[in-house]
Structures are given as structure tokens and as C-alpha cells.
């Protein structure tokens, strides 16, 4: 399979196109990087936008939180530090990796927790502080919205149906994180593509994999769309993957997903 090996100017929000000649399709796959979506949701919480980015003269950004569940819910808000792995997974850390800079010391937000009735929304105000003291690099932390489980009032006892057995209750707690990024200086971020591969398993499901290679001083992110172009020139969307990111200081990210 022959393929174009690079994609320049995959920079910040704007993306270009690359073409891949495929022996499997006997045609052309077109990879298009689109503008990222602006919402993020998990459980009963909807957060807009899904990234906080200070990259100019803006000093404040509003986060819109909405409870899309059927019950009243409380969410605690904090800033955490995260490492991205080459496969796109995340690990919570306390010490920055080489060439990684945390943003939490230069961000202030209010309120620190919210209680939302069903279909109720609230704004969390995020403010940039002391940016004039920062050197020209990227700083990143992550907002963590953690659901606080309901607790029975004091004095209210649970009724055990069988006193001879041990009762264990598991209370699920979900959370959602979004990056908070401060960018100082001009971006020279670029992305090259390598290791492009198309495979078809025993169930005739095609899987597309590739490696993003990031260079430059800032993180990059966007959405991936794959189109199949028939020999007759008809274009069919065969796959989409939204919210792909390569955060500093990572230089590579391996990615794969199934095509229709």
C-alpha cells in the first residue's frame, strides 16, 4: 500500500487533506481533519466548550455546565495534571514530564462546585492570571468535574432484608476532564503522518491505523474523517473519529479505528 507520508500545517484548529492509495479498496481514501466539536458530555453532565484555551489577549473564558439527567446532581470542580500516553490513554501525575508545563498556578475559577436540577445550567468563570510572567511555551492542566454521590441523611438507617448475609453497595462515581491550555508565543506546530495501514479482519471489517508525529511548541487536535472514493468518483464517508489530540510534550500518537 502506497501512501503520502506527511501532512503539514495540522496546526491548532485548521487542517489539510491527505490521500491514501489502497489496494484493499482499489481506490482512494481521503483523510480530512475537521474543526473540533465544541461540547463534551459524560453521564449526566454536558460541558461547553470542551477545551479552555488562552492563546491571545483573552483573560476570561466561561464554561457552561448543564445537567441533562433526570435527577438533581452535584459536581465538584478541580484542576488535575495528566500525562498522555502514545496510545491516547491518560495517566494522572503530580510532577511534570520533561518539557511539560502545568497551567494550574495561572488559572482561577469559580464556583468550585455546582448543584444542578434536571435541565438546569450554570456558568463557571475561568480567569487567566499572571500571564506576563510566563515564558513562551504551552502550559496545560485539566479541569476535572467529579460527580458527588448522594448520601443518606444522618440517622436514616438502611433496612437489611437478611441479617445473616453481608451487604455490599457499589456507588458509581463518574468524572469528566477537559484540557485547560495557556499558549504564550507563536505556534510552529506541525504533524506528519506515518505507518498508515489498512487491514480487514475475518468478519470483513476494515481497520485503519496510523501514527501522528507532532513537532513544534504547541499541542494539536482535531477530528478525523475518512472518505471512500469509488472508481466512478462517488464519495462515501466510511469513518469518523472526533477529538483526536496530541498534547505536549508527546511527539507521537498511535491511533486506529474501524471503518464502515
C-alpha atoms as a PDB file:
ATOM      1  CA  UNK A   1       0.000   0.000   0.000  1.00  0.00           C
ATOM      2  CA  UNK A   2       1.452   3.302  -1.036  1.00  0.00           C
ATOM      3  CA  UNK A   3       0.582   6.391   0.942  1.00  0.00           C
ATOM      4  CA  UNK A   4       1.502  10.001   1.388  1.00  0.00           C
ATOM      5  CA  UNK A   5       3.791  10.238   4.415  1.00  0.00           C
ATOM      6  CA  UNK A   6       3.328  13.764   5.652  1.00  0.00           C
ATOM      7  CA  UNK A   7       0.672  16.308   6.443  1.00  0.00           C
ATOM      8  CA  UNK A   8       1.906  19.820   7.147  1.00  0.00           C
ATOM      9  CA  UNK A   9       0.032  22.611   8.902  1.00  0.00           C
ATOM     10  CA  UNK A  10      -2.060  20.233  11.020  1.00  0.00           C
ATOM     11  CA  UNK A  11      -1.782  23.176  13.317  1.00  0.00           C
ATOM     12  CA  UNK A  12      -4.079  24.234  16.148  1.00  0.00           C
ATOM     13  CA  UNK A  13      -7.576  24.332  14.616  1.00  0.00           C
ATOM     14  CA  UNK A  14      -7.086  24.218  10.845  1.00  0.00           C
ATOM     15  CA  UNK A  15      -6.247  21.034   8.985  1.00  0.00           C
ATOM     16  CA  UNK A  16      -5.398  19.948   5.474  1.00  0.00           C
ATOM     17  CA  UNK A  17      -6.067  16.778   3.464  1.00  0.00           C
ATOM     18  CA  UNK A  18      -4.053  13.709   2.582  1.00  0.00           C
ATOM     19  CA  UNK A  19      -4.776  10.929   0.079  1.00  0.00           C
ATOM     20  CA  UNK A  20      -4.058   7.257   0.564  1.00  0.00           C
ATOM     21  CA  UNK A  21      -4.000   4.776  -2.311  1.00  0.00           C
ATOM     22  CA  UNK A  22      -5.384   1.471  -1.043  1.00  0.00           C
ATOM     23  CA  UNK A  23      -5.024  -1.968  -2.603  1.00  0.00           C
ATOM     24  CA  UNK A  24      -7.907  -3.116  -0.428  1.00  0.00           C
ATOM     25  CA  UNK A  25     -10.347  -0.553  -1.815  1.00  0.00           C
ATOM     26  CA  UNK A  26      -8.682  -0.306  -5.250  1.00  0.00           C
ATOM     27  CA  UNK A  27      -9.479   3.367  -4.955  1.00  0.00           C
ATOM     28  CA  UNK A  28      -8.641   6.389  -2.812  1.00  0.00           C
ATOM     29  CA  UNK A  29      -9.263   7.167   0.829  1.00  0.00           C
ATOM     30  CA  UNK A  30      -9.306  10.861   1.653  1.00  0.00           C
ATOM     31  CA  UNK A  31      -8.392  11.845   5.210  1.00  0.00           C
ATOM     32  CA  UNK A  32      -9.832  15.177   6.234  1.00  0.00           C
ATOM     33  CA  UNK A  33      -9.101  16.857   9.563  1.00  0.00           C
ATOM     34  CA  UNK A  34     -12.082  18.937  10.617  1.00  0.00           C
ATOM     35  CA  UNK A  35     -12.716  21.596  13.230  1.00  0.00           C
ATOM     36  CA  UNK A  36     -13.192  20.022  16.664  1.00  0.00           C
ATOM     37  CA  UNK A  37     -16.632  19.787  18.245  1.00  0.00           C
ATOM     38  CA  UNK A  38     -17.402  22.244  20.995  1.00  0.00           C
ATOM     39  CA  UNK A  39     -19.196  20.083  23.555  1.00  0.00           C
ATOM     40  CA  UNK A  40     -18.218  17.246  25.845  1.00  0.00           C
ATOM     41  CA  UNK A  41     -20.581  15.007  27.795  1.00  0.00           C
ATOM     42  CA  UNK A  42     -20.366  12.070  30.144  1.00  0.00           C
ATOM     43  CA  UNK A  43     -23.009  10.676  32.449  1.00  0.00           C
ATOM     44  CA  UNK A  44     -25.496  13.479  33.135  1.00  0.00           C
ATOM     45  CA  UNK A  45     -23.117  16.423  32.667  1.00  0.00           C
ATOM     46  CA  UNK A  46     -22.726  18.446  29.486  1.00  0.00           C
ATOM     47  CA  UNK A  47     -19.752  20.840  29.276  1.00  0.00           C
ATOM     48  CA  UNK A  48     -19.312  23.553  26.653  1.00  0.00           C
ATOM     49  CA  UNK A  49     -16.732  24.208  25.244  1.00  0.00           C
ATOM     50  CA  UNK A  50     -14.685  21.051  25.632  1.00  0.00           C
ATOM     51  CA  UNK A  51     -11.343  22.875  25.746  1.00  0.00           C
ATOM     52  CA  UNK A  52     -10.258  26.002  27.590  1.00  0.00           C
ATOM     53  CA  UNK A  53      -7.579  27.723  25.524  1.00  0.00           C
ATOM     54  CA  UNK A  54      -5.949  31.064  26.326  1.00  0.00           C
ATOM     55  CA  UNK A  55      -3.833  31.996  23.303  1.00  0.00           C
ATOM     56  CA  UNK A  56      -4.162  35.747  22.916  1.00  0.00           C
ATOM     57  CA  UNK A  57      -5.464  38.769  24.745  1.00  0.00           C
ATOM     58  CA  UNK A  58      -8.482  36.970  26.224  1.00  0.00           C
ATOM     59  CA  UNK A  59      -8.382  36.940  30.027  1.00  0.00           C
ATOM     60  CA  UNK A  60     -11.595  35.087  30.919  1.00  0.00           C
ATOM     61  CA  UNK A  61     -13.492  32.129  29.478  1.00  0.00           C
ATOM     62  CA  UNK A  62     -16.913  30.868  30.533  1.00  0.00           C
ATOM     63  CA  UNK A  63     -17.622  27.157  30.852  1.00  0.00           C
ATOM     64  CA  UNK A  64     -21.273  26.206  30.515  1.00  0.00           C
ATOM     65  CA  UNK A  65     -22.370  23.216  32.609  1.00  0.00           C
ATOM     66  CA  UNK A  66     -25.763  21.574  32.089  1.00  0.00           C
ATOM     67  CA  UNK A  67     -27.434  18.664  33.871  1.00  0.00           C
ATOM     68  CA  UNK A  68     -29.039  16.508  31.182  1.00  0.00           C
ATOM     69  CA  UNK A  69     -30.127  13.821  33.657  1.00  0.00           C
ATOM     70  CA  UNK A  70     -33.448  13.195  35.368  1.00  0.00           C
ATOM     71  CA  UNK A  71     -32.207  13.844  38.941  1.00  0.00           C
ATOM     72  CA  UNK A  72     -30.543  16.705  40.754  1.00  0.00           C
ATOM     73  CA  UNK A  73     -26.764  16.229  40.758  1.00  0.00           C
ATOM     74  CA  UNK A  74     -23.766  17.857  42.435  1.00  0.00           C
ATOM     75  CA  UNK A  75     -20.367  18.159  40.774  1.00  0.00           C
ATOM     76  CA  UNK A  76     -17.038  19.122  42.348  1.00  0.00           C
ATOM     77  CA  UNK A  77     -14.625  21.030  40.104  1.00  0.00           C
ATOM     78  CA  UNK A  78     -10.847  20.886  40.388  1.00  0.00           C
ATOM     79  CA  UNK A  79      -7.670  21.087  38.319  1.00  0.00           C
ATOM     80  CA  UNK A  80      -5.609  17.916  37.838  1.00  0.00           C
ATOM     81  CA  UNK A  81      -2.416  17.042  35.974  1.00  0.00           C
ATOM     82  CA  UNK A  82      -2.486  14.434  33.213  1.00  0.00           C
ATOM     83  CA  UNK A  83       0.050  12.639  31.057  1.00  0.00           C
ATOM     84  CA  UNK A  84      -0.999  11.424  27.602  1.00  0.00           C
ATOM     85  CA  UNK A  85       0.354   8.043  26.511  1.00  0.00           C
ATOM     86  CA  UNK A  86       1.279   7.128  22.954  1.00  0.00           C
ATOM     87  CA  UNK A  87      -1.940   5.131  22.540  1.00  0.00           C
ATOM     88  CA  UNK A  88      -4.046   8.145  23.554  1.00  0.00           C
ATOM     89  CA  UNK A  89      -4.686   6.959  27.113  1.00  0.00           C
ATOM     90  CA  UNK A  90      -4.245   9.193  30.157  1.00  0.00           C
ATOM     91  CA  UNK A  91      -2.439   8.922  33.476  1.00  0.00           C
ATOM     92  CA  UNK A  92      -2.790  11.246  36.454  1.00  0.00           C
ATOM     93  CA  UNK A  93       0.570  12.670  37.568  1.00  0.00           C
ATOM     94  CA  UNK A  94       1.877  15.135  40.146  1.00  0.00           C
ATOM     95  CA  UNK A  95       5.273  16.006  38.620  1.00  0.00           C
ATOM     96  CA  UNK A  96       5.559  17.324  35.057  1.00  0.00           C
ATOM     97  CA  UNK A  97       7.419  15.287  32.472  1.00  0.00           C
ATOM     98  CA  UNK A  98      10.413  16.877  30.710  1.00  0.00           C
ATOM     99  CA  UNK A  99       9.199  19.821  28.589  1.00  0.00           C
ATOM    100  CA  UNK A 100       5.740  19.655  30.175  1.00  0.00           C
ATOM    101  CA  UNK A 101       4.379  22.725  31.986  1.00  0.00           C
ATOM    102  CA  UNK A 102       1.336  22.829  34.276  1.00  0.00           C
ATOM    103  CA  UNK A 103      -1.233  25.623  33.942  1.00  0.00           C
ATOM    104  CA  UNK A 104      -2.997  25.387  37.306  1.00  0.00           C
ATOM    105  CA  UNK A 105      -0.917  28.097  39.028  1.00  0.00           C
ATOM    106  CA  UNK A 106      -2.070  30.652  36.460  1.00  0.00           C
ATOM    107  CA  UNK A 107      -5.787  29.809  36.407  1.00  0.00           C
ATOM    108  CA  UNK A 108      -8.549  30.829  38.801  1.00  0.00           C
ATOM    109  CA  UNK A 109     -12.133  29.603  38.557  1.00  0.00           C
ATOM    110  CA  UNK A 110     -15.421  29.994  40.387  1.00  0.00           C
ATOM    111  CA  UNK A 111     -17.518  28.269  41.656  1.00  0.00           C
ATOM    112  CA  UNK A 112     -15.674  25.164  42.877  1.00  0.00           C
ATOM    113  CA  UNK A 113     -18.811  23.027  42.949  1.00  0.00           C
ATOM    114  CA  UNK A 114     -22.280  23.191  41.418  1.00  0.00           C
ATOM    115  CA  UNK A 115     -25.627  21.578  42.186  1.00  0.00           C
ATOM    116  CA  UNK A 116     -27.890  21.376  39.175  1.00  0.00           C
ATOM    117  CA  UNK A 117     -31.504  20.344  38.922  1.00  0.00           C
ATOM    118  CA  UNK A 118     -32.605  18.434  35.808  1.00  0.00           C
ATOM    119  CA  UNK A 119     -32.153  20.591  32.675  1.00  0.00           C
ATOM    120  CA  UNK A 120     -30.538  23.332  34.768  1.00  0.00           C
ATOM    121  CA  UNK A 121     -27.342  25.064  33.604  1.00  0.00           C
ATOM    122  CA  UNK A 122     -24.676  27.188  35.270  1.00  0.00           C
ATOM    123  CA  UNK A 123     -21.618  29.123  34.145  1.00  0.00           C
ATOM    124  CA  UNK A 124     -18.150  28.501  35.606  1.00  0.00           C
ATOM    125  CA  UNK A 125     -15.904  31.507  35.085  1.00  0.00           C
ATOM    126  CA  UNK A 126     -12.222  30.791  34.349  1.00  0.00           C
ATOM    127  CA  UNK A 127      -9.683  33.617  34.637  1.00  0.00           C
ATOM    128  CA  UNK A 128      -6.068  33.788  33.432  1.00  0.00           C
ATOM    129  CA  UNK A 129      -3.628  35.242  35.982  1.00  0.00           C
ATOM    130  CA  UNK A 130      -0.030  36.495  35.854  1.00  0.00           C
ATOM    131  CA  UNK A 131       0.434  35.610  32.186  1.00  0.00           C
ATOM    132  CA  UNK A 132       3.037  38.338  31.801  1.00  0.00           C
ATOM    133  CA  UNK A 133       5.421  36.277  33.942  1.00  0.00           C
ATOM    134  CA  UNK A 134       5.208  33.194  31.716  1.00  0.00           C
ATOM    135  CA  UNK A 135       7.868  32.190  29.238  1.00  0.00           C
ATOM    136  CA  UNK A 136       6.800  31.487  25.610  1.00  0.00           C
ATOM    137  CA  UNK A 137       5.739  27.839  25.850  1.00  0.00           C
ATOM    138  CA  UNK A 138       2.496  25.926  26.337  1.00  0.00           C
ATOM    139  CA  UNK A 139       1.044  25.270  29.783  1.00  0.00           C
ATOM    140  CA  UNK A 140      -1.606  22.587  30.343  1.00  0.00           C
ATOM    141  CA  UNK A 141      -3.720  21.242  33.191  1.00  0.00           C
ATOM    142  CA  UNK A 142      -7.159  19.599  33.077  1.00  0.00           C
ATOM    143  CA  UNK A 143     -10.456  20.594  34.650  1.00  0.00           C
ATOM    144  CA  UNK A 144     -11.980  17.612  36.446  1.00  0.00           C
ATOM    145  CA  UNK A 145     -15.744  17.538  37.013  1.00  0.00           C
ATOM    146  CA  UNK A 146     -16.497  14.818  39.555  1.00  0.00           C
ATOM    147  CA  UNK A 147     -19.986  13.638  40.415  1.00  0.00           C
ATOM    148  CA  UNK A 148     -20.624  13.632  44.181  1.00  0.00           C
ATOM    149  CA  UNK A 149     -22.780  10.652  45.220  1.00  0.00           C
ATOM    150  CA  UNK A 150     -25.895  11.233  47.277  1.00  0.00           C
ATOM    151  CA  UNK A 151     -25.508  10.378  50.963  1.00  0.00           C
ATOM    152  CA  UNK A 152     -28.371   9.285  53.191  1.00  0.00           C
ATOM    153  CA  UNK A 153     -29.230  11.833  55.906  1.00  0.00           C
ATOM    154  CA  UNK A 154     -27.768  11.224  59.368  1.00  0.00           C
ATOM    155  CA  UNK A 155     -29.976   8.959  61.448  1.00  0.00           C
ATOM    156  CA  UNK A 156     -31.517   7.251  58.441  1.00  0.00           C
ATOM    157  CA  UNK A 157     -30.713   3.575  58.628  1.00  0.00           C
ATOM    158  CA  UNK A 158     -30.754   1.076  55.813  1.00  0.00           C
ATOM    159  CA  UNK A 159     -33.121  -1.861  56.194  1.00  0.00           C
ATOM    160  CA  UNK A 160     -31.364  -5.186  55.690  1.00  0.00           C
ATOM    161  CA  UNK A 161     -33.529  -7.901  54.239  1.00  0.00           C
ATOM    162  CA  UNK A 162     -31.284 -10.695  55.589  1.00  0.00           C
ATOM    163  CA  UNK A 163     -29.159 -10.030  58.673  1.00  0.00           C
ATOM    164  CA  UNK A 164     -27.154 -13.238  58.161  1.00  0.00           C
ATOM    165  CA  UNK A 165     -25.522 -12.020  54.965  1.00  0.00           C
ATOM    166  CA  UNK A 166     -23.014  -9.318  54.146  1.00  0.00           C
ATOM    167  CA  UNK A 167     -24.370  -6.465  52.053  1.00  0.00           C
ATOM    168  CA  UNK A 168     -22.053  -4.576  49.708  1.00  0.00           C
ATOM    169  CA  UNK A 169     -23.169  -1.459  47.896  1.00  0.00           C
ATOM    170  CA  UNK A 170     -21.196  -0.118  44.943  1.00  0.00           C
ATOM    171  CA  UNK A 171     -21.766   3.573  44.256  1.00  0.00           C
ATOM    172  CA  UNK A 172     -20.586   4.570  40.793  1.00  0.00           C
ATOM    173  CA  UNK A 173     -18.768   7.894  40.573  1.00  0.00           C
ATOM    174  CA  UNK A 174     -18.107   9.318  37.151  1.00  0.00           C
ATOM    175  CA  UNK A 175     -15.984  12.243  36.127  1.00  0.00           C
ATOM    176  CA  UNK A 176     -15.137  14.153  33.013  1.00  0.00           C
ATOM    177  CA  UNK A 177     -11.959  16.087  32.213  1.00  0.00           C
ATOM    178  CA  UNK A 178     -11.291  18.813  29.680  1.00  0.00           C
ATOM    179  CA  UNK A 179      -7.904  20.410  28.978  1.00  0.00           C
ATOM    180  CA  UNK A 180      -7.083  23.925  30.120  1.00  0.00           C
ATOM    181  CA  UNK A 181      -4.294  25.318  27.945  1.00  0.00           C
ATOM    182  CA  UNK A 182      -2.287  28.548  28.073  1.00  0.00           C
ATOM    183  CA  UNK A 183      -0.258  29.342  24.962  1.00  0.00           C
ATOM    184  CA  UNK A 184       2.419  32.007  25.080  1.00  0.00           C
ATOM    185  CA  UNK A 185       4.114  32.951  21.801  1.00  0.00           C
ATOM    186  CA  UNK A 186       3.580  31.968  18.174  1.00  0.00           C
ATOM    187  CA  UNK A 187       2.874  28.409  17.155  1.00  0.00           C
ATOM    188  CA  UNK A 188       5.164  26.403  14.890  1.00  0.00           C
ATOM    189  CA  UNK A 189       3.339  23.093  15.484  1.00  0.00           C
ATOM    190  CA  UNK A 190       3.087  20.600  12.625  1.00  0.00           C
ATOM    191  CA  UNK A 191       2.081  16.973  12.220  1.00  0.00           C
ATOM    192  CA  UNK A 192       3.460  14.289   9.919  1.00  0.00           C
ATOM    193  CA  UNK A 193       1.697  11.003   9.228  1.00  0.00           C
ATOM    194  CA  UNK A 194       3.488   7.662   9.183  1.00  0.00           C
ATOM    195  CA  UNK A 195       2.798   3.928   9.438  1.00  0.00           C
ATOM    196  CA  UNK A 196      -0.522   4.199   7.597  1.00  0.00           C
ATOM    197  CA  UNK A 197      -2.117   0.766   7.379  1.00  0.00           C
ATOM    198  CA  UNK A 198      -5.447  -0.704   6.318  1.00  0.00           C
ATOM    199  CA  UNK A 199      -6.403  -4.208   7.434  1.00  0.00           C
ATOM    200  CA  UNK A 200      -9.538  -6.310   7.037  1.00  0.00           C
ATOM    201  CA  UNK A 201     -10.349  -8.951   9.666  1.00  0.00           C
ATOM    202  CA  UNK A 202     -12.140 -12.283   9.249  1.00  0.00           C
ATOM    203  CA  UNK A 203     -15.507 -10.531   9.556  1.00  0.00           C
ATOM    204  CA  UNK A 204     -14.658  -8.218   6.630  1.00  0.00           C
ATOM    205  CA  UNK A 205     -14.393  -5.195   8.954  1.00  0.00           C
ATOM    206  CA  UNK A 206     -11.688  -2.773   7.750  1.00  0.00           C
ATOM    207  CA  UNK A 207      -9.436  -1.230  10.402  1.00  0.00           C
ATOM    208  CA  UNK A 208      -7.388   1.858   9.636  1.00  0.00           C
ATOM    209  CA  UNK A 209      -4.313   2.705  11.722  1.00  0.00           C
ATOM    210  CA  UNK A 210      -1.685   5.424  11.542  1.00  0.00           C
ATOM    211  CA  UNK A 211       0.798   7.366  13.625  1.00  0.00           C
ATOM    212  CA  UNK A 212       0.670  11.117  14.202  1.00  0.00           C
ATOM    213  CA  UNK A 213       4.120  12.687  14.609  1.00  0.00           C
ATOM    214  CA  UNK A 214       3.996  16.107  16.256  1.00  0.00           C
ATOM    215  CA  UNK A 215       6.709  18.752  16.057  1.00  0.00           C
ATOM    216  CA  UNK A 216       6.794  22.289  17.386  1.00  0.00           C
ATOM    217  CA  UNK A 217       5.917  24.048  20.605  1.00  0.00           C
ATOM    218  CA  UNK A 218       2.144  23.533  20.976  1.00  0.00           C
ATOM    219  CA  UNK A 219      -0.382  20.710  21.238  1.00  0.00           C
ATOM    220  CA  UNK A 220      -2.522  19.876  18.216  1.00  0.00           C
ATOM    221  CA  UNK A 221      -6.012  18.409  17.954  1.00  0.00           C
ATOM    222  CA  UNK A 222      -8.916  17.917  15.595  1.00  0.00           C
ATOM    223  CA  UNK A 223     -11.415  15.471  14.102  1.00  0.00           C
ATOM    224  CA  UNK A 224     -10.618  12.753  11.557  1.00  0.00           C
ATOM    225  CA  UNK A 225     -12.904  11.833   8.663  1.00  0.00           C
ATOM    226  CA  UNK A 226     -12.227   9.088   6.125  1.00  0.00           C
ATOM    227  CA  UNK A 227     -13.979   9.064   2.749  1.00  0.00           C
ATOM    228  CA  UNK A 228     -14.082   6.278   0.176  1.00  0.00           C
ATOM    229  CA  UNK A 229     -13.962   7.441  -3.439  1.00  0.00           C
ATOM    230  CA  UNK A 230     -15.166   4.863  -5.932  1.00  0.00           C
ATOM    231  CA  UNK A 231     -13.652   4.467  -9.435  1.00  0.00           C
ATOM    232  CA  UNK A 232     -16.747   6.304 -10.683  1.00  0.00           C
ATOM    233  CA  UNK A 233     -15.933   9.270  -8.471  1.00  0.00           C
ATOM    234  CA  UNK A 234     -18.664   8.762  -5.848  1.00  0.00           C
ATOM    235  CA  UNK A 235     -17.602   9.799  -2.324  1.00  0.00           C
ATOM    236  CA  UNK A 236     -18.872   7.922   0.728  1.00  0.00           C
ATOM    237  CA  UNK A 237     -17.991   8.749   4.348  1.00  0.00           C
ATOM    238  CA  UNK A 238     -16.703   5.479   5.843  1.00  0.00           C
ATOM    239  CA  UNK A 239     -15.314   6.615   9.187  1.00  0.00           C
ATOM    240  CA  UNK A 240     -15.096   9.484  11.660  1.00  0.00           C
ATOM    241  CA  UNK A 241     -13.125   9.959  14.867  1.00  0.00           C
ATOM    242  CA  UNK A 242     -13.668  13.145  16.840  1.00  0.00           C
ATOM    243  CA  UNK A 243     -11.464  14.896  19.356  1.00  0.00           C
ATOM    244  CA  UNK A 244      -8.067  13.449  18.429  1.00  0.00           C
ATOM    245  CA  UNK A 245      -5.332  15.254  20.341  1.00  0.00           C
ATOM    246  CA  UNK A 246      -1.564  15.116  20.712  1.00  0.00           C
ATOM    247  CA  UNK A 247      -0.619  17.028  23.844  1.00  0.00           C
ATOM    248  CA  UNK A 248       2.819  18.358  24.660  1.00  0.00           C
ATOM    249  CA  UNK A 249       5.361  17.028  25.360  1.00  0.00           C
ATOM    250  CA  UNK A 250       4.273  13.954  23.368  1.00  0.00           C
ATOM    251  CA  UNK A 251       5.839  13.657  19.927  1.00  0.00           C
ATOM    252  CA  UNK A 252       3.814  10.685  18.645  1.00  0.00           C
ATOM    253  CA  UNK A 253       0.366   9.176  18.994  1.00  0.00           C
ATOM    254  CA  UNK A 254      -0.726   5.820  17.617  1.00  0.00           C
ATOM    255  CA  UNK A 255      -4.330   5.670  16.502  1.00  0.00           C
ATOM    256  CA  UNK A 256      -6.666   3.130  14.933  1.00  0.00           C
ATOM    257  CA  UNK A 257     -10.383   2.726  14.405  1.00  0.00           C
ATOM    258  CA  UNK A 258     -12.854   0.652  12.412  1.00  0.00           C
ATOM    259  CA  UNK A 259     -14.255   1.853   9.114  1.00  0.00           C
ATOM    260  CA  UNK A 260     -17.805   1.204   7.955  1.00  0.00           C
END
